[in-house]
Amino acid sequence: MRTTIPLDDDLIAKVQAYTELDEKTALVREALKALIQLEAARRLANLAGSQPGIKGAPRRRQHVE
C-alpha cells in the first residue's frame, strides 16, 4: 500500500545515524515492526495475574541421577 506521510527531517537523521538505514521506506517499516513488538509486550505484561486460579502447563521433567 502506498501512503504519503510527512516525516521530521531531524528525526529521520537521528534514526539513520542509529540504524545505518538510508532508505526511508525501510526506516518506516522497521519503526512499525518495533512498535508492534512494543505493544505486544505491553499487552502480554498487562495479562500478568489476570487469571489467578489458572493451573500451570504440564512440563516434562528429566530424571537427574
PDB file of N, CA and C in Angstrom:
ATOM      1  N   MET A   1       0.842  -1.163   0.000  1.00  0.00           N
ATOM      2  CA  MET A   1       0.000   0.000   0.000  1.00  0.00           C
ATOM      3  C   MET A   1       0.898   1.240   0.000  1.00  0.00           C
ATOM      4  N   ARG A   2       0.611   2.157  -0.849  1.00  0.00           N
ATOM      5  CA  ARG A   2       1.378   3.403  -0.912  1.00  0.00           C
ATOM      6  C   ARG A   2       0.685   4.447  -0.051  1.00  0.00           C
ATOM      7  N   THR A   3       1.476   5.152   0.718  1.00  0.00           N
ATOM      8  CA  THR A   3       0.972   6.213   1.582  1.00  0.00           C
ATOM      9  C   THR A   3       1.985   7.344   1.594  1.00  0.00           C
ATOM     10  N   THR A   4       1.481   8.555   1.586  1.00  0.00           N
ATOM     11  CA  THR A   4       2.348   9.720   1.693  1.00  0.00           C
ATOM     12  C   THR A   4       2.243  10.252   3.113  1.00  0.00           C
ATOM     13  N   ILE A   5       3.385  10.343   3.810  1.00  0.00           N
ATOM     14  CA  ILE A   5       3.385  10.862   5.174  1.00  0.00           C
ATOM     15  C   ILE A   5       4.497  11.893   5.325  1.00  0.00           C
ATOM     16  N   PRO A   6       4.218  12.961   6.051  1.00  0.00           N
ATOM     17  CA  PRO A   6       5.282  13.933   6.317  1.00  0.00           C
ATOM     18  C   PRO A   6       6.198  13.397   7.424  1.00  0.00           C
ATOM     19  N   LEU A   7       7.497  13.494   7.204  1.00  0.00           N
ATOM     20  CA  LEU A   7       8.471  12.998   8.173  1.00  0.00           C
ATOM     21  C   LEU A   7       9.349  14.145   8.655  1.00  0.00           C
ATOM     22  N   ASP A   8       9.635  14.155   9.933  1.00  0.00           N
ATOM     23  CA  ASP A   8      10.512  15.164  10.529  1.00  0.00           C
ATOM     24  C   ASP A   8      11.950  14.880  10.098  1.00  0.00           C
ATOM     25  N   ASP A   9      12.583  15.849   9.422  1.00  0.00           N
ATOM     26  CA  ASP A   9      13.931  15.649   8.898  1.00  0.00           C
ATOM     27  C   ASP A   9      14.954  15.365   9.994  1.00  0.00           C
ATOM     28  N   ASP A  10      14.834  16.042  11.136  1.00  0.00           N
ATOM     29  CA  ASP A  10      15.768  15.817  12.242  1.00  0.00           C
ATOM     30  C   ASP A  10      15.603  14.410  12.815  1.00  0.00           C
ATOM     31  N   LEU A  11      14.360  13.985  12.937  1.00  0.00           N
ATOM     32  CA  LEU A  11      14.086  12.640  13.450  1.00  0.00           C
ATOM     33  C   LEU A  11      14.616  11.578  12.493  1.00  0.00           C
ATOM     34  N   ILE A  12      14.424  11.780  11.212  1.00  0.00           N
ATOM     35  CA  ILE A  12      14.937  10.842  10.213  1.00  0.00           C
ATOM     36  C   ILE A  12      16.457  10.775  10.277  1.00  0.00           C
ATOM     37  N   ALA A  13      17.106  11.913  10.432  1.00  0.00           N
ATOM     38  CA  ALA A  13      18.575  11.936  10.509  1.00  0.00           C
ATOM     39  C   ALA A  13      19.068  11.166  11.732  1.00  0.00           C
ATOM     40  N   LYS A  14      18.386  11.318  12.877  1.00  0.00           N
ATOM     41  CA  LYS A  14      18.771  10.581  14.089  1.00  0.00           C
ATOM     42  C   LYS A  14      18.603   9.084  13.895  1.00  0.00           C
ATOM     43  N   VAL A  15      17.472   8.690  13.318  1.00  0.00           N
ATOM     44  CA  VAL A  15      17.207   7.265  13.098  1.00  0.00           C
ATOM     45  C   VAL A  15      18.230   6.682  12.125  1.00  0.00           C
ATOM     46  N   GLN A  16      18.551   7.414  11.082  1.00  0.00           N
ATOM     47  CA  GLN A  16      19.542   6.930  10.121  1.00  0.00           C
ATOM     48  C   GLN A  16      20.907   6.777  10.778  1.00  0.00           C
ATOM     49  N   ALA A  17      21.245   7.665  11.703  1.00  0.00           N
ATOM     50  CA  ALA A  17      22.524   7.563  12.400  1.00  0.00           C
ATOM     51  C   ALA A  17      22.564   6.323  13.297  1.00  0.00           C
ATOM     52  N   TYR A  18      21.452   6.019  13.955  1.00  0.00           N
ATOM     53  CA  TYR A  18      21.399   4.854  14.839  1.00  0.00           C
ATOM     54  C   TYR A  18      21.358   3.541  14.071  1.00  0.00           C
ATOM     55  N   THR A  19      20.598   3.504  12.983  1.00  0.00           N
ATOM     56  CA  THR A  19      20.350   2.240  12.297  1.00  0.00           C
ATOM     57  C   THR A  19      21.215   2.010  11.074  1.00  0.00           C
ATOM     58  N   GLU A  20      21.799   3.048  10.542  1.00  0.00           N
ATOM     59  CA  GLU A  20      22.572   2.984   9.306  1.00  0.00           C
ATOM     60  C   GLU A  20      21.711   2.574   8.113  1.00  0.00           C
ATOM     61  N   LEU A  21      20.400   2.774   8.225  1.00  0.00           N
ATOM     62  CA  LEU A  21      19.486   2.544   7.110  1.00  0.00           C
ATOM     63  C   LEU A  21      19.274   3.886   6.408  1.00  0.00           C
ATOM     64  N   ASP A  22      19.509   3.924   5.107  1.00  0.00           N
ATOM     65  CA  ASP A  22      19.361   5.177   4.378  1.00  0.00           C
ATOM     66  C   ASP A  22      17.987   5.325   3.724  1.00  0.00           C
ATOM     67  N   GLU A  23      17.381   4.212   3.387  1.00  0.00           N
ATOM     68  CA  GLU A  23      16.095   4.245   2.690  1.00  0.00           C
ATOM     69  C   GLU A  23      14.962   4.535   3.677  1.00  0.00           C
ATOM     70  N   LYS A  24      14.181   5.548   3.392  1.00  0.00           N
ATOM     71  CA  LYS A  24      13.091   5.951   4.298  1.00  0.00           C
ATOM     72  C   LYS A  24      12.016   4.876   4.411  1.00  0.00           C
ATOM     73  N   THR A  25      11.772   4.165   3.330  1.00  0.00           N
ATOM     74  CA  THR A  25      10.786   3.085   3.382  1.00  0.00           C
ATOM     75  C   THR A  25      11.213   2.019   4.388  1.00  0.00           C
ATOM     76  N   ALA A  26      12.477   1.656   4.377  1.00  0.00           N
ATOM     77  CA  ALA A  26      13.000   0.668   5.324  1.00  0.00           C
ATOM     78  C   ALA A  26      12.926   1.193   6.751  1.00  0.00           C
ATOM     79  N   LEU A  27      13.186   2.487   6.930  1.00  0.00           N
ATOM     80  CA  LEU A  27      13.105   3.079   8.274  1.00  0.00           C
ATOM     81  C   LEU A  27      11.689   3.000   8.827  1.00  0.00           C
ATOM     82  N   VAL A  28      10.719   3.357   7.994  1.00  0.00           N
ATOM     83  CA  VAL A  28       9.320   3.315   8.437  1.00  0.00           C
ATOM     84  C   VAL A  28       8.898   1.886   8.716  1.00  0.00           C
ATOM     85  N   ARG A  29       9.308   0.945   7.874  1.00  0.00           N
ATOM     86  CA  ARG A  29       8.968  -0.471   8.074  1.00  0.00           C
ATOM     87  C   ARG A  29       9.525  -0.974   9.404  1.00  0.00           C
ATOM     88  N   GLU A  30      10.792  -0.662   9.688  1.00  0.00           N
ATOM     89  CA  GLU A  30      11.417  -1.103  10.939  1.00  0.00           C
ATOM     90  C   GLU A  30      10.776  -0.424  12.150  1.00  0.00           C
ATOM     91  N   ALA A  31      10.392   0.837  11.994  1.00  0.00           N
ATOM     92  CA  ALA A  31       9.716   1.539  13.089  1.00  0.00           C
ATOM     93  C   ALA A  31       8.368   0.902  13.395  1.00  0.00           C
ATOM     94  N   LEU A  32       7.639   0.516  12.363  1.00  0.00           N
ATOM     95  CA  LEU A  32       6.354  -0.145  12.570  1.00  0.00           C
ATOM     96  C   LEU A  32       6.524  -1.505  13.232  1.00  0.00           C
ATOM     97  N   LYS A  33       7.544  -2.257  12.821  1.00  0.00           N
ATOM     98  CA  LYS A  33       7.826  -3.551  13.458  1.00  0.00           C
ATOM     99  C   LYS A  33       8.158  -3.366  14.935  1.00  0.00           C
ATOM    100  N   ALA A  34       8.969  -2.352  15.239  1.00  0.00           N
ATOM    101  CA  ALA A  34       9.349  -2.088  16.635  1.00  0.00           C
ATOM    102  C   ALA A  34       8.130  -1.696  17.459  1.00  0.00           C
ATOM    103  N   LEU A  35       7.231  -0.905  16.880  1.00  0.00           N
ATOM    104  CA  LEU A  35       6.013  -0.506  17.583  1.00  0.00           C
ATOM    105  C   LEU A  35       5.121  -1.713  17.859  1.00  0.00           C
ATOM    106  N   ILE A  36       5.013  -2.605  16.900  1.00  0.00           N
ATOM    107  CA  ILE A  36       4.219  -3.827  17.088  1.00  0.00           C
ATOM    108  C   ILE A  36       4.803  -4.668  18.221  1.00  0.00           C
ATOM    109  N   GLN A  37       6.117  -4.852  18.241  1.00  0.00           N
ATOM    110  CA  GLN A  37       6.758  -5.628  19.305  1.00  0.00           C
ATOM    111  C   GLN A  37       6.549  -4.979  20.662  1.00  0.00           C
ATOM    112  N   LEU A  38       6.668  -3.666  20.717  1.00  0.00           N
ATOM    113  CA  LEU A  38       6.491  -2.937  21.972  1.00  0.00           C
ATOM    114  C   LEU A  38       5.070  -3.088  22.505  1.00  0.00           C
ATOM    115  N   GLU A  39       4.089  -2.924  21.633  1.00  0.00           N
ATOM    116  CA  GLU A  39       2.692  -3.039  22.054  1.00  0.00           C
ATOM    117  C   GLU A  39       2.330  -4.471  22.420  1.00  0.00           C
ATOM    118  N   ALA A  40       2.868  -5.452  21.697  1.00  0.00           N
ATOM    119  CA  ALA A  40       2.603  -6.852  22.032  1.00  0.00           C
ATOM    120  C   ALA A  40       3.171  -7.181  23.408  1.00  0.00           C
ATOM    121  N   ALA A  41       4.361  -6.695  23.703  1.00  0.00           N
ATOM    122  CA  ALA A  41       4.970  -6.928  25.014  1.00  0.00           C
ATOM    123  C   ALA A  41       4.167  -6.241  26.112  1.00  0.00           C
ATOM    124  N   ARG A  42       3.681  -5.039  25.841  1.00  0.00           N
ATOM    125  CA  ARG A  42       2.881  -4.313  26.838  1.00  0.00           C
ATOM    126  C   ARG A  42       1.592  -5.062  27.130  1.00  0.00           C
ATOM    127  N   ARG A  43       0.942  -5.559  26.083  1.00  0.00           N
ATOM    128  CA  ARG A  43      -0.301  -6.316  26.280  1.00  0.00           C
ATOM    129  C   ARG A  43      -0.054  -7.607  27.054  1.00  0.00           C
ATOM    130  N   LEU A  44       1.040  -8.272  26.744  1.00  0.00           N
ATOM    131  CA  LEU A  44       1.384  -9.500  27.462  1.00  0.00           C
ATOM    132  C   LEU A  44       1.653  -9.201  28.933  1.00  0.00           C
ATOM    133  N   ALA A  45       2.352  -8.126  29.215  1.00  0.00           N
ATOM    134  CA  ALA A  45       2.638  -7.740  30.601  1.00  0.00           C
ATOM    135  C   ALA A  45       1.353  -7.397  31.344  1.00  0.00           C
ATOM    136  N   ASN A  46       0.396  -6.805  30.655  1.00  0.00           N
ATOM    137  CA  ASN A  46      -0.877  -6.459  31.298  1.00  0.00           C
ATOM    138  C   ASN A  46      -1.695  -7.692  31.650  1.00  0.00           C
ATOM    139  N   LEU A  47      -1.416  -8.820  31.018  1.00  0.00           N
ATOM    140  CA  LEU A  47      -2.133 -10.056  31.322  1.00  0.00           C
ATOM    141  C   LEU A  47      -1.640 -10.721  32.617  1.00  0.00           C
ATOM    142  N   ALA A  48      -0.496 -10.325  33.100  1.00  0.00           N
ATOM    143  CA  ALA A  48       0.102 -10.955  34.283  1.00  0.00           C
ATOM    144  C   ALA A  48      -0.874 -10.917  35.452  1.00  0.00           C
ATOM    145  N   GLY A  49      -1.188 -12.094  35.968  1.00  0.00           N
ATOM    146  CA  GLY A  49      -2.070 -12.198  37.124  1.00  0.00           C
ATOM    147  C   GLY A  49      -3.540 -12.012  36.809  1.00  0.00           C
ATOM    148  N   SER A  50      -3.908 -11.997  35.539  1.00  0.00           N
ATOM    149  CA  SER A  50      -5.310 -11.754  35.190  1.00  0.00           C
ATOM    150  C   SER A  50      -6.177 -13.000  35.373  1.00  0.00           C
ATOM    151  N   GLN A  51      -5.549 -14.178  35.533  1.00  0.00           N
ATOM    152  CA  GLN A  51      -6.283 -15.412  35.795  1.00  0.00           C
ATOM    153  C   GLN A  51      -5.636 -16.100  36.989  1.00  0.00           C
ATOM    154  N   PRO A  52      -5.954 -15.648  38.215  1.00  0.00           N
ATOM    155  CA  PRO A  52      -5.262 -16.166  39.394  1.00  0.00           C
ATOM    156  C   PRO A  52      -5.476 -17.653  39.672  1.00  0.00           C
ATOM    157  N   GLY A  53      -6.570 -18.250  39.254  1.00  0.00           N
ATOM    158  CA  GLY A  53      -6.845 -19.653  39.549  1.00  0.00           C
ATOM    159  C   GLY A  53      -6.364 -20.615  38.489  1.00  0.00           C
ATOM    160  N   ILE A  54      -5.689 -20.141  37.484  1.00  0.00           N
ATOM    161  CA  ILE A  54      -5.283 -20.991  36.368  1.00  0.00           C
ATOM    162  C   ILE A  54      -4.148 -21.939  36.782  1.00  0.00           C
ATOM    163  N   LYS A  55      -4.198 -23.168  36.254  1.00  0.00           N
ATOM    164  CA  LYS A  55      -3.156 -24.149  36.520  1.00  0.00           C
ATOM    165  C   LYS A  55      -2.042 -23.984  35.493  1.00  0.00           C
ATOM    166  N   GLY A  56      -0.825 -24.244  35.910  1.00  0.00           N
ATOM    167  CA  GLY A  56       0.312 -24.157  35.010  1.00  0.00           C
ATOM    168  C   GLY A  56       0.290 -25.258  33.972  1.00  0.00           C
ATOM    169  N   ALA A  57       0.931 -25.026  32.872  1.00  0.00           N
ATOM    170  CA  ALA A  57       1.012 -26.017  31.810  1.00  0.00           C
ATOM    171  C   ALA A  57       1.896 -27.174  32.268  1.00  0.00           C
ATOM    172  N   PRO A  58       1.508 -28.415  31.950  1.00  0.00           N
ATOM    173  CA  PRO A  58       2.349 -29.550  32.344  1.00  0.00           C
ATOM    174  C   PRO A  58       3.687 -29.513  31.613  1.00  0.00           C
ATOM    175  N   ARG A  59       4.727 -29.871  32.325  1.00  0.00           N
ATOM    176  CA  ARG A  59       6.072 -29.850  31.749  1.00  0.00           C
ATOM    177  C   ARG A  59       6.735 -31.201  31.986  1.00  0.00           C
ATOM    178  N   ARG A  60       7.593 -31.574  31.068  1.00  0.00           N
ATOM    179  CA  ARG A  60       8.342 -32.815  31.229  1.00  0.00           C
ATOM    180  C   ARG A  60       9.537 -32.537  32.120  1.00  0.00           C
ATOM    181  N   ARG A  61       9.793 -33.454  32.995  1.00  0.00           N
ATOM    182  CA  ARG A  61      10.950 -33.325  33.867  1.00  0.00           C
ATOM    183  C   ARG A  61      11.949 -34.419  33.541  1.00  0.00           C
ATOM    184  N   GLN A  62      13.196 -34.052  33.496  1.00  0.00           N
ATOM    185  CA  GLN A  62      14.233 -35.031  33.241  1.00  0.00           C
ATOM    186  C   GLN A  62      14.708 -35.575  34.571  1.00  0.00           C
ATOM    187  N   HIS A  63      14.947 -36.882  34.613  1.00  0.00           N
ATOM    188  CA  HIS A  63      15.450 -37.511  35.826  1.00  0.00           C
ATOM    189  C   HIS A  63      16.943 -37.258  35.948  1.00  0.00           C
ATOM    190  N   VAL A  64      17.350 -36.705  37.060  1.00  0.00           N
ATOM    191  CA  VAL A  64      18.764 -36.414  37.308  1.00  0.00           C
ATOM    192  C   VAL A  64      19.255 -37.443  38.297  1.00  0.00           C
ATOM    193  N   GLU A  65      20.319 -38.165  37.937  1.00  0.00           N
ATOM    194  CA  GLU A  65      20.852 -39.188  38.833  1.00  0.00           C
ATOM    195  C   GLU A  65      22.250 -38.850  39.269  1.00  0.00           C
TER     196      GLU A  65
END
